Amino acid sequence: MRKFEYKLLTINVNHLKKEKFQIELDEKFQKWGNEGWELIKMESITSGGMFFHGATTESFFAVFKREKL
């Protein structure tokens, strides 16, 4: 039976506005991809509003998966 391991990451939207952070994040995603990690889900985390009317995205939640070595 195949077994998997998971990596969870929360990214604050304010950090995404910084070019240096974007470069570091790209390098990290490239490194993880080379290590066999696959991004399987990414969702926004919002606050305020009702049923997403007037809601504000505060961060993103990412889930990576790879088969256990």
Protein backbone atom coordinates (compact mmCIF):
# COMPACT_ATOMS: atom_id res chain seq x y z
CA MET A 1 0.00 0.00 0.00
CA ARG A 2 1.32 3.44 -0.94
CA LYS A 3 1.84 5.88 1.93
CA PHE A 4 2.01 9.66 1.72
CA GLU A 5 3.31 12.54 3.78
CA TYR A 6 1.97 16.08 3.75
CA LYS A 7 3.35 19.59 4.14
CA LEU A 8 1.07 22.50 5.12
CA LEU A 9 1.84 26.16 4.47
CA THR A 10 -0.01 29.36 5.32
CA ILE A 11 0.98 32.42 3.29
CA ASN A 12 -0.05 35.88 4.50
CA VAL A 13 -1.36 38.03 1.64
CA ASN A 14 0.73 41.02 2.84
CA HIS A 15 3.90 39.01 2.28
CA LEU A 16 2.89 38.34 -1.33
CA LYS A 17 3.13 42.08 -2.04
CA LYS A 18 6.89 41.99 -1.33
CA GLU A 19 9.04 41.07 -4.32
CA LYS A 20 11.75 39.50 -2.14
CA PHE A 21 9.18 37.20 -0.53
CA GLN A 22 7.81 36.17 -3.93
CA ILE A 23 11.31 35.24 -5.08
CA GLU A 24 11.97 33.25 -1.90
CA LEU A 25 8.61 31.49 -2.22
CA ASP A 26 9.31 30.59 -5.85
CA GLU A 27 12.70 29.15 -4.86
CA LYS A 28 11.10 27.16 -2.03
CA PHE A 29 8.36 25.77 -4.32
CA GLN A 30 11.00 24.79 -6.91
CA LYS A 31 13.06 23.04 -4.21
CA TRP A 32 10.05 21.17 -2.87
CA GLY A 33 9.03 20.14 -6.39
CA ASN A 34 12.51 18.71 -6.96
CA GLU A 35 12.12 16.79 -3.69
CA GLY A 36 8.89 15.20 -4.97
CA TRP A 37 6.35 17.48 -3.26
CA GLU A 38 3.22 18.23 -5.30
CA LEU A 39 0.89 21.15 -4.55
CA ILE A 40 -2.50 19.45 -4.30
CA LYS A 41 -4.68 22.23 -2.90
CA MET A 42 -4.57 25.95 -2.29
CA GLU A 43 -7.41 27.96 -0.76
CA SER A 44 -7.87 31.51 0.39
CA ILE A 45 -8.61 32.26 4.03
CA THR A 46 -11.04 35.18 4.28
CA SER A 47 -12.52 37.33 7.00
CA GLY A 48 -15.52 39.60 7.19
CA GLY A 49 -18.60 39.55 5.01
CA MET A 50 -21.31 36.97 4.85
CA PHE A 51 -21.14 34.20 2.29
CA PHE A 52 -18.11 35.95 0.75
CA HIS A 53 -19.94 39.28 0.17
CA GLY A 54 -17.48 41.91 1.33
CA ALA A 55 -15.01 39.32 2.52
CA THR A 56 -11.29 40.08 2.51
CA THR A 57 -8.60 37.53 1.72
CA GLU A 58 -6.05 37.51 4.55
CA SER A 59 -3.95 34.52 3.61
CA PHE A 60 -3.69 31.37 1.54
CA PHE A 61 -3.48 27.80 2.80
CA ALA A 62 -1.48 25.36 0.68
CA VAL A 63 -1.24 21.57 0.99
CA PHE A 64 1.63 19.60 -0.54
CA LYS A 65 1.83 15.82 -0.80
CA ARG A 66 4.47 13.27 -1.73
CA GLU A 67 4.82 9.55 -1.51
CA LYS A 68 6.82 8.43 1.53
CA LEU A 69 10.35 7.46 0.57
